Amino acid sequence: MLIAISSLTPCYSFLPPLTSIPSPNSARRRLFLLPAKPSRRAVASLPEPSEGAKVEYTPWLIAGLGNPGNKYHGTRHNVGFEMVDRISQDVGISLNTLQSKALIGIGAIGEVPILLAKPQAYMNYSGESVGTLAAYYQVPLRHILLIYDEMSLPNGVMRLQPKGGHGHHNGVKSVMEHLDGCRTFPRLCIGIGNPPGKMDMRAFLLQKFSAEEREQVNAALDQGVEAVRTLVLKGFNSSIDRFNLVQKYKHHKV
């Protein structure tokens, strides 16, 4: 059983650690996520295991942000939902349970347990679901992957980071508020570009992609599935660095 020790002031109060999953074979035969007693606060990030140490199959919470309902399906502001849907299809996890105001599904990528989530409160209240799920399942902060749209990136360009701010994104801002203001959780940003001319930002976010933009986004979602798989299985390594570099220049013509 791991004990988190740090000289820094954590963002959260520590909760009892997750029950260890001793081996890949036993992981296949049991429920992957073991809920803790309900708590208002999410568990703090545990330190990375040292080289040569026994690795636990610590679960991930992968949450995509968006607005619920057919009205918003396929809009720019809902690409976080689309990314979670692609992951669920790729790994065979059904999002068929409603918990903490979110559609969730439980399964695994390889031998690592994951919890997929699509908050069903509107975008500005996404943190109500993410914070509660993280606390209930005792997911460490470093294993909360938030997926959302990003206007500062060109359409279809992604960026995978271990931490960051909210960038004036109301959904991310809500999540941070429900994680006690912490920003040290991973995020996969999916570029949607900026509104053309003087177009209203809200109208732009709630607009569907053009045919060309949709093609770029669909290709990005496929690439995003592989990036998430790499992150869950190997963490932030050189493969993620290469992914970010390729994304940065993939629309540049030589």
C-alpha atoms as a PDB file:
ATOM      1  CA  MET A   1       0.000   0.000   0.000  1.00  0.00           C
ATOM      2  CA  LEU A   2       1.386   3.381  -1.014  1.00  0.00           C
ATOM      3  CA  ILE A   3       1.719   6.260   1.414  1.00  0.00           C
ATOM      4  CA  ALA A   4       2.020   9.736  -0.062  1.00  0.00           C
ATOM      5  CA  ILE A   5       4.761  11.812   1.547  1.00  0.00           C
ATOM      6  CA  SER A   6       5.568  15.330   0.432  1.00  0.00           C
ATOM      7  CA  SER A   7       7.181  18.417   1.878  1.00  0.00           C
ATOM      8  CA  LEU A   8       4.873  20.592  -0.223  1.00  0.00           C
ATOM      9  CA  THR A   9       1.431  21.693   0.864  1.00  0.00           C
ATOM     10  CA  PRO A  10      -1.002  19.482  -1.063  1.00  0.00           C
ATOM     11  CA  CYS A  11      -4.074  20.855  -2.817  1.00  0.00           C
ATOM     12  CA  TYR A  12      -6.297  18.398  -0.977  1.00  0.00           C
ATOM     13  CA  SER A  13      -6.538  16.563   2.277  1.00  0.00           C
ATOM     14  CA  PHE A  14      -5.246  13.016   1.974  1.00  0.00           C
ATOM     15  CA  LEU A  15      -7.717  10.169   1.959  1.00  0.00           C
ATOM     16  CA  PRO A  16      -6.900   6.497   2.555  1.00  0.00           C
ATOM     17  CA  PRO A  17      -5.150   5.153  -0.568  1.00  0.00           C
ATOM     18  CA  LEU A  18      -6.798   2.885  -3.092  1.00  0.00           C
ATOM     19  CA  THR A  19      -6.719  -0.840  -2.538  1.00  0.00           C
ATOM     20  CA  SER A  20      -3.788  -2.193  -4.530  1.00  0.00           C
ATOM     21  CA  ILE A  21      -4.379  -4.364  -7.569  1.00  0.00           C
ATOM     22  CA  PRO A  22      -1.515  -6.827  -7.231  1.00  0.00           C
ATOM     23  CA  SER A  23      -1.191  -8.203 -10.749  1.00  0.00           C
ATOM     24  CA  PRO A  24      -2.524  -7.811 -14.301  1.00  0.00           C
ATOM     25  CA  ASN A  25      -4.193 -11.223 -14.210  1.00  0.00           C
ATOM     26  CA  SER A  26      -6.127 -10.464 -11.065  1.00  0.00           C
ATOM     27  CA  ALA A  27      -7.070  -7.063 -12.485  1.00  0.00           C
ATOM     28  CA  ARG A  28      -8.975  -8.803 -15.247  1.00  0.00           C
ATOM     29  CA  ARG A  29     -11.048 -10.775 -12.776  1.00  0.00           C
ATOM     30  CA  ARG A  30     -12.258  -8.006 -10.516  1.00  0.00           C
ATOM     31  CA  LEU A  31     -14.066  -4.703 -10.570  1.00  0.00           C
ATOM     32  CA  PHE A  32     -11.438  -2.192 -11.585  1.00  0.00           C
ATOM     33  CA  LEU A  33     -12.553   0.828  -9.589  1.00  0.00           C
ATOM     34  CA  LEU A  34     -13.108   0.436  -5.893  1.00  0.00           C
ATOM     35  CA  PRO A  35     -15.256   3.296  -4.565  1.00  0.00           C
ATOM     36  CA  ALA A  36     -14.289   4.975  -1.356  1.00  0.00           C
ATOM     37  CA  LYS A  37     -16.631   6.406   1.188  1.00  0.00           C
ATOM     38  CA  PRO A  38     -18.189   9.540  -0.353  1.00  0.00           C
ATOM     39  CA  SER A  39     -16.183  12.684   0.297  1.00  0.00           C
ATOM     40  CA  ARG A  40     -16.354  16.267  -0.822  1.00  0.00           C
ATOM     41  CA  ARG A  41     -12.688  16.488  -1.601  1.00  0.00           C
ATOM     42  CA  ALA A  42     -10.578  14.715  -4.177  1.00  0.00           C
ATOM     43  CA  VAL A  43      -7.452  12.869  -3.144  1.00  0.00           C
ATOM     44  CA  ALA A  44      -4.131  14.598  -3.676  1.00  0.00           C
ATOM     45  CA  SER A  45      -1.735  13.443  -6.358  1.00  0.00           C
ATOM     46  CA  LEU A  46       0.502  10.607  -5.255  1.00  0.00           C
ATOM     47  CA  PRO A  47       4.187  10.780  -6.152  1.00  0.00           C
ATOM     48  CA  GLU A  48       5.380   8.905  -9.210  1.00  0.00           C
ATOM     49  CA  PRO A  49       6.698   5.421  -8.339  1.00  0.00           C
ATOM     50  CA  SER A  50      10.471   5.354  -8.210  1.00  0.00           C
ATOM     51  CA  GLU A  51      12.393   3.361 -10.788  1.00  0.00           C
ATOM     52  CA  GLY A  52      12.333  -0.348 -10.023  1.00  0.00           C
ATOM     53  CA  ALA A  53       9.455  -0.005  -7.556  1.00  0.00           C
ATOM     54  CA  LYS A  54       6.311  -2.103  -7.823  1.00  0.00           C
ATOM     55  CA  VAL A  55       3.789  -0.280  -9.995  1.00  0.00           C
ATOM     56  CA  GLU A  56       0.150  -0.131  -8.958  1.00  0.00           C
ATOM     57  CA  TYR A  57      -2.627  -0.114 -11.514  1.00  0.00           C
ATOM     58  CA  THR A  58      -3.874   3.272 -10.367  1.00  0.00           C
ATOM     59  CA  PRO A  59      -7.163   4.220 -12.064  1.00  0.00           C
ATOM     60  CA  TRP A  60      -7.658   7.161 -14.387  1.00  0.00           C
ATOM     61  CA  LEU A  61     -10.671   9.453 -14.597  1.00  0.00           C
ATOM     62  CA  ILE A  62     -11.024  10.615 -18.211  1.00  0.00           C
ATOM     63  CA  ALA A  63     -13.640  13.359 -18.442  1.00  0.00           C
ATOM     64  CA  GLY A  64     -14.731  15.102 -21.626  1.00  0.00           C
ATOM     65  CA  LEU A  65     -16.492  18.455 -21.378  1.00  0.00           C
ATOM     66  CA  GLY A  66     -19.569  19.483 -23.332  1.00  0.00           C
ATOM     67  CA  ASN A  67     -23.258  20.332 -23.141  1.00  0.00           C
ATOM     68  CA  PRO A  68     -25.911  17.595 -22.946  1.00  0.00           C
ATOM     69  CA  GLY A  69     -28.718  17.160 -25.480  1.00  0.00           C
ATOM     70  CA  ASN A  70     -29.120  16.746 -29.239  1.00  0.00           C
ATOM     71  CA  LYS A  71     -29.135  20.512 -29.679  1.00  0.00           C
ATOM     72  CA  TYR A  72     -25.406  20.659 -28.939  1.00  0.00           C
ATOM     73  CA  HIS A  73     -24.327  17.418 -30.603  1.00  0.00           C
ATOM     74  CA  GLY A  74     -21.515  18.002 -33.099  1.00  0.00           C
ATOM     75  CA  THR A  75     -20.841  21.603 -32.035  1.00  0.00           C
ATOM     76  CA  ARG A  76     -17.376  22.996 -31.424  1.00  0.00           C
ATOM     77  CA  HIS A  77     -17.925  23.246 -27.682  1.00  0.00           C
ATOM     78  CA  ASN A  78     -18.701  19.503 -27.505  1.00  0.00           C
ATOM     79  CA  VAL A  79     -15.515  17.979 -28.918  1.00  0.00           C
ATOM     80  CA  GLY A  80     -14.619  16.834 -25.391  1.00  0.00           C
ATOM     81  CA  PHE A  81     -17.718  14.622 -25.436  1.00  0.00           C
ATOM     82  CA  GLU A  82     -16.763  13.332 -28.885  1.00  0.00           C
ATOM     83  CA  MET A  83     -13.281  12.374 -27.709  1.00  0.00           C
ATOM     84  CA  VAL A  84     -14.682  10.358 -24.805  1.00  0.00           C
ATOM     85  CA  ASP A  85     -17.111   8.657 -27.202  1.00  0.00           C
ATOM     86  CA  ARG A  86     -14.189   7.668 -29.468  1.00  0.00           C
ATOM     87  CA  ILE A  87     -12.256   6.260 -26.524  1.00  0.00           C
ATOM     88  CA  SER A  88     -15.297   4.296 -25.349  1.00  0.00           C
ATOM     89  CA  GLN A  89     -15.709   2.786 -28.820  1.00  0.00           C
ATOM     90  CA  ASP A  90     -12.013   1.954 -29.107  1.00  0.00           C
ATOM     91  CA  VAL A  91     -11.736   0.146 -25.768  1.00  0.00           C
ATOM     92  CA  GLY A  92     -15.287  -1.238 -25.657  1.00  0.00           C
ATOM     93  CA  ILE A  93     -16.654   0.648 -22.666  1.00  0.00           C
ATOM     94  CA  SER A  94     -20.358   1.516 -22.585  1.00  0.00           C
ATOM     95  CA  LEU A  95     -21.333   4.861 -21.130  1.00  0.00           C
ATOM     96  CA  ASN A  96     -24.601   3.635 -19.659  1.00  0.00           C
ATOM     97  CA  THR A  97     -24.553   4.633 -15.999  1.00  0.00           C
ATOM     98  CA  LEU A  98     -25.588   7.953 -14.489  1.00  0.00           C
ATOM     99  CA  GLN A  99     -23.611   8.961 -11.418  1.00  0.00           C
ATOM    100  CA  SER A 100     -22.767  12.358  -9.931  1.00  0.00           C
ATOM    101  CA  LYS A 101     -24.623  14.116 -12.765  1.00  0.00           C
ATOM    102  CA  ALA A 102     -22.460  12.373 -15.364  1.00  0.00           C
ATOM    103  CA  LEU A 103     -22.725   9.515 -17.839  1.00  0.00           C
ATOM    104  CA  ILE A 104     -19.950   7.118 -16.895  1.00  0.00           C
ATOM    105  CA  GLY A 105     -18.443   3.842 -18.015  1.00  0.00           C
ATOM    106  CA  ILE A 106     -15.878   1.646 -16.256  1.00  0.00           C
ATOM    107  CA  GLY A 107     -13.279  -0.535 -17.954  1.00  0.00           C
ATOM    108  CA  ALA A 108      -9.582  -0.564 -18.765  1.00  0.00           C
ATOM    109  CA  ILE A 109      -6.942   0.423 -21.270  1.00  0.00           C
ATOM    110  CA  GLY A 110      -4.594  -2.538 -21.296  1.00  0.00           C
ATOM    111  CA  GLU A 111      -4.435  -3.478 -17.628  1.00  0.00           C
ATOM    112  CA  VAL A 112      -4.988   0.045 -16.291  1.00  0.00           C
ATOM    113  CA  PRO A 113      -8.503   0.741 -14.952  1.00  0.00           C
ATOM    114  CA  ILE A 114     -10.246   3.807 -16.334  1.00  0.00           C
ATOM    115  CA  LEU A 115     -13.458   5.674 -15.634  1.00  0.00           C
ATOM    116  CA  LEU A 116     -14.890   7.558 -18.628  1.00  0.00           C
ATOM    117  CA  ALA A 117     -17.217  10.455 -17.850  1.00  0.00           C
ATOM    118  CA  LYS A 118     -19.372  12.991 -19.682  1.00  0.00           C
ATOM    119  CA  PRO A 119     -20.814  15.523 -17.202  1.00  0.00           C
ATOM    120  CA  GLN A 120     -24.502  16.088 -17.879  1.00  0.00           C
ATOM    121  CA  ALA A 121     -24.826  19.404 -16.103  1.00  0.00           C
ATOM    122  CA  TYR A 122     -24.135  22.225 -18.537  1.00  0.00           C
ATOM    123  CA  MET A 123     -20.559  23.180 -19.361  1.00  0.00           C
ATOM    124  CA  ASN A 124     -20.283  25.833 -16.661  1.00  0.00           C
ATOM    125  CA  TYR A 125     -21.072  23.246 -13.953  1.00  0.00           C
ATOM    126  CA  SER A 126     -18.807  20.421 -15.156  1.00  0.00           C
ATOM    127  CA  GLY A 127     -16.765  20.510 -11.960  1.00  0.00           C
ATOM    128  CA  GLU A 128     -19.707  19.244  -9.922  1.00  0.00           C
ATOM    129  CA  SER A 129     -19.341  15.881 -11.665  1.00  0.00           C
ATOM    130  CA  VAL A 130     -15.567  15.704 -12.046  1.00  0.00           C
ATOM    131  CA  GLY A 131     -14.772  16.704  -8.463  1.00  0.00           C
ATOM    132  CA  THR A 132     -17.327  14.317  -6.963  1.00  0.00           C
ATOM    133  CA  LEU A 133     -16.266  11.352  -9.117  1.00  0.00           C
ATOM    134  CA  ALA A 134     -12.581  11.941  -8.362  1.00  0.00           C
ATOM    135  CA  ALA A 135     -13.310  11.982  -4.632  1.00  0.00           C
ATOM    136  CA  TYR A 136     -15.688   9.009  -4.683  1.00  0.00           C
ATOM    137  CA  TYR A 137     -13.295   6.739  -6.592  1.00  0.00           C
ATOM    138  CA  GLN A 138     -10.190   8.263  -4.988  1.00  0.00           C
ATOM    139  CA  VAL A 139      -8.524   9.045  -8.301  1.00  0.00           C
ATOM    140  CA  PRO A 140      -5.225  10.880  -7.722  1.00  0.00           C
ATOM    141  CA  LEU A 141      -5.000  14.339  -9.215  1.00  0.00           C
ATOM    142  CA  ARG A 142      -2.281  13.314 -11.679  1.00  0.00           C
ATOM    143  CA  HIS A 143      -4.709  10.741 -13.128  1.00  0.00           C
ATOM    144  CA  ILE A 144      -7.589  13.108 -13.842  1.00  0.00           C
ATOM    145  CA  LEU A 145      -7.481  13.730 -17.605  1.00  0.00           C
ATOM    146  CA  LEU A 146      -9.721  16.580 -18.728  1.00  0.00           C
ATOM    147  CA  ILE A 147     -10.588  16.825 -22.443  1.00  0.00           C
ATOM    148  CA  TYR A 148     -12.027  20.020 -23.887  1.00  0.00           C
ATOM    149  CA  ASP A 149     -12.136  22.476 -26.806  1.00  0.00           C
ATOM    150  CA  GLU A 150      -9.458  25.146 -27.116  1.00  0.00           C
ATOM    151  CA  MET A 151      -9.829  28.300 -29.232  1.00  0.00           C
ATOM    152  CA  SER A 152      -6.151  29.224 -28.970  1.00  0.00           C
ATOM    153  CA  LEU A 153      -5.253  26.173 -31.092  1.00  0.00           C
ATOM    154  CA  PRO A 154      -5.994  25.834 -34.827  1.00  0.00           C
ATOM    155  CA  ASN A 155      -8.876  23.576 -35.740  1.00  0.00           C
ATOM    156  CA  GLY A 156      -7.983  19.911 -35.316  1.00  0.00           C
ATOM    157  CA  VAL A 157      -4.671  20.570 -33.546  1.00  0.00           C
ATOM    158  CA  MET A 158      -4.286  18.980 -30.095  1.00  0.00           C
ATOM    159  CA  ARG A 159      -2.058  19.534 -27.083  1.00  0.00           C
ATOM    160  CA  LEU A 160      -1.535  17.111 -24.195  1.00  0.00           C
ATOM    161  CA  GLN A 161      -0.178  18.702 -21.011  1.00  0.00           C
ATOM    162  CA  PRO A 162       0.391  17.571 -17.405  1.00  0.00           C
ATOM    163  CA  LYS A 163      -1.041  20.812 -15.994  1.00  0.00           C
ATOM    164  CA  GLY A 164      -2.187  24.301 -16.886  1.00  0.00           C
ATOM    165  CA  GLY A 165      -4.641  27.102 -16.191  1.00  0.00           C
ATOM    166  CA  HIS A 166      -8.260  27.453 -17.243  1.00  0.00           C
ATOM    167  CA  GLY A 167      -7.588  29.792 -20.168  1.00  0.00           C
ATOM    168  CA  HIS A 168     -10.972  31.480 -19.574  1.00  0.00           C
ATOM    169  CA  HIS A 169     -12.718  28.195 -20.420  1.00  0.00           C
ATOM    170  CA  ASN A 170     -15.739  28.091 -18.119  1.00  0.00           C
ATOM    171  CA  GLY A 171     -15.862  24.292 -17.986  1.00  0.00           C
ATOM    172  CA  VAL A 172     -12.217  24.028 -16.955  1.00  0.00           C
ATOM    173  CA  LYS A 173     -12.705  26.871 -14.497  1.00  0.00           C
ATOM    174  CA  SER A 174     -15.564  24.940 -12.871  1.00  0.00           C
ATOM    175  CA  VAL A 175     -13.451  21.795 -12.599  1.00  0.00           C
ATOM    176  CA  MET A 176     -10.597  23.692 -10.970  1.00  0.00           C
ATOM    177  CA  GLU A 177     -12.977  25.272  -8.486  1.00  0.00           C
ATOM    178  CA  HIS A 178     -14.216  21.814  -7.462  1.00  0.00           C
ATOM    179  CA  LEU A 179     -10.624  20.589  -7.136  1.00  0.00           C
ATOM    180  CA  ASP A 180      -9.848  23.313  -4.594  1.00  0.00           C
ATOM    181  CA  GLY A 181      -8.262  25.547  -7.206  1.00  0.00           C
ATOM    182  CA  CYS A 182      -5.642  22.992  -8.203  1.00  0.00           C
ATOM    183  CA  ARG A 183      -4.350  23.108 -11.768  1.00  0.00           C
ATOM    184  CA  THR A 184      -1.904  20.197 -11.682  1.00  0.00           C
ATOM    185  CA  PHE A 185      -4.057  17.684 -13.525  1.00  0.00           C
ATOM    186  CA  PRO A 186      -3.506  16.514 -17.137  1.00  0.00           C
ATOM    187  CA  ARG A 187      -5.549  17.922 -19.970  1.00  0.00           C
ATOM    188  CA  LEU A 188      -6.013  17.149 -23.653  1.00  0.00           C
ATOM    189  CA  CYS A 189      -6.932  20.331 -25.524  1.00  0.00           C
ATOM    190  CA  ILE A 190      -8.579  20.001 -28.937  1.00  0.00           C
ATOM    191  CA  GLY A 191      -8.221  23.048 -31.162  1.00  0.00           C
ATOM    192  CA  ILE A 192     -11.310  24.617 -32.685  1.00  0.00           C
ATOM    193  CA  GLY A 193      -9.784  27.915 -33.868  1.00  0.00           C
ATOM    194  CA  ASN A 194     -11.056  31.450 -33.302  1.00  0.00           C
ATOM    195  CA  PRO A 195     -14.325  33.042 -34.432  1.00  0.00           C
ATOM    196  CA  PRO A 196     -13.990  34.654 -37.881  1.00  0.00           C
ATOM    197  CA  GLY A 197     -14.211  38.429 -38.081  1.00  0.00           C
ATOM    198  CA  LYS A 198     -16.532  39.905 -35.472  1.00  0.00           C
ATOM    199  CA  MET A 199     -18.571  36.750 -34.946  1.00  0.00           C
ATOM    200  CA  ASP A 200     -19.917  36.346 -31.412  1.00  0.00           C
ATOM    201  CA  MET A 201     -17.831  33.864 -29.435  1.00  0.00           C
ATOM    202  CA  ARG A 202     -20.831  32.045 -27.961  1.00  0.00           C
ATOM    203  CA  ALA A 203     -22.406  31.650 -31.380  1.00  0.00           C
ATOM    204  CA  PHE A 204     -19.099  30.283 -32.696  1.00  0.00           C
ATOM    205  CA  LEU A 205     -18.778  27.733 -29.880  1.00  0.00           C
ATOM    206  CA  LEU A 206     -22.328  26.461 -30.377  1.00  0.00           C
ATOM    207  CA  GLN A 207     -21.966  26.234 -34.142  1.00  0.00           C
ATOM    208  CA  LYS A 208     -21.290  22.952 -35.953  1.00  0.00           C
ATOM    209  CA  PHE A 209     -18.090  22.425 -37.935  1.00  0.00           C
ATOM    210  CA  SER A 210     -17.896  23.000 -41.669  1.00  0.00           C
ATOM    211  CA  ALA A 211     -17.250  19.929 -43.835  1.00  0.00           C
ATOM    212  CA  GLU A 212     -13.520  20.691 -44.019  1.00  0.00           C
ATOM    213  CA  GLU A 213     -13.289  21.410 -40.296  1.00  0.00           C
ATOM    214  CA  ARG A 214     -15.174  18.204 -39.486  1.00  0.00           C
ATOM    215  CA  GLU A 215     -12.678  16.184 -41.511  1.00  0.00           C
ATOM    216  CA  GLN A 216      -9.806  17.722 -39.558  1.00  0.00           C
ATOM    217  CA  VAL A 217     -11.522  17.113 -36.221  1.00  0.00           C
ATOM    218  CA  ASN A 218     -12.337  13.485 -37.036  1.00  0.00           C
ATOM    219  CA  ALA A 219      -8.680  12.843 -37.896  1.00  0.00           C
ATOM    220  CA  ALA A 220      -7.652  14.557 -34.655  1.00  0.00           C
ATOM    221  CA  LEU A 221     -10.010  12.406 -32.589  1.00  0.00           C
ATOM    222  CA  ASP A 222      -8.440   9.253 -34.019  1.00  0.00           C
ATOM    223  CA  GLN A 223      -4.983  10.565 -33.126  1.00  0.00           C
ATOM    224  CA  GLY A 224      -6.245  11.564 -29.699  1.00  0.00           C
ATOM    225  CA  VAL A 225      -7.324   8.006 -28.893  1.00  0.00           C
ATOM    226  CA  GLU A 226      -3.763   6.784 -29.429  1.00  0.00           C
ATOM    227  CA  ALA A 227      -2.339   9.662 -27.381  1.00  0.00           C
ATOM    228  CA  VAL A 228      -4.646   8.881 -24.469  1.00  0.00           C
ATOM    229  CA  ARG A 229      -3.740   5.200 -24.673  1.00  0.00           C
ATOM    230  CA  THR A 230      -0.044   6.097 -24.521  1.00  0.00           C
ATOM    231  CA  LEU A 231      -0.577   8.456 -21.590  1.00  0.00           C
ATOM    232  CA  VAL A 232      -2.528   5.907 -19.552  1.00  0.00           C
ATOM    233  CA  LEU A 233      -0.050   3.098 -20.161  1.00  0.00           C
ATOM    234  CA  LYS A 234       3.251   5.002 -20.102  1.00  0.00           C
ATOM    235  CA  GLY A 235       2.637   8.458 -18.636  1.00  0.00           C
ATOM    236  CA  PHE A 236       4.160  11.672 -19.967  1.00  0.00           C
ATOM    237  CA  ASN A 237       7.147  10.350 -21.892  1.00  0.00           C
ATOM    238  CA  SER A 238       9.004  11.081 -25.123  1.00  0.00           C
ATOM    239  CA  SER A 239       6.085   9.695 -27.151  1.00  0.00           C
ATOM    240  CA  ILE A 240       3.830  12.414 -25.764  1.00  0.00           C
ATOM    241  CA  ASP A 241       6.494  15.019 -26.559  1.00  0.00           C
ATOM    242  CA  ARG A 242       6.575  13.773 -30.163  1.00  0.00           C
ATOM    243  CA  PHE A 243       2.784  13.800 -30.304  1.00  0.00           C
ATOM    244  CA  ASN A 244       2.682  17.459 -29.250  1.00  0.00           C
ATOM    245  CA  LEU A 245       5.406  18.390 -31.743  1.00  0.00           C
ATOM    246  CA  VAL A 246       3.630  16.663 -34.633  1.00  0.00           C
ATOM    247  CA  GLN A 247       0.355  18.317 -33.654  1.00  0.00           C
ATOM    248  CA  LYS A 248       1.948  21.749 -33.542  1.00  0.00           C
ATOM    249  CA  TYR A 249       3.146  21.583 -37.139  1.00  0.00           C
ATOM    250  CA  LYS A 250       0.732  19.160 -38.794  1.00  0.00           C
ATOM    251  CA  HIS A 251      -1.122  21.848 -40.761  1.00  0.00           C
ATOM    252  CA  HIS A 252       2.029  23.693 -41.792  1.00  0.00           C
ATOM    253  CA  LYS A 253       2.842  23.389 -45.480  1.00  0.00           C
ATOM    254  CA  VAL A 254       6.517  23.071 -46.380  1.00  0.00           C
END
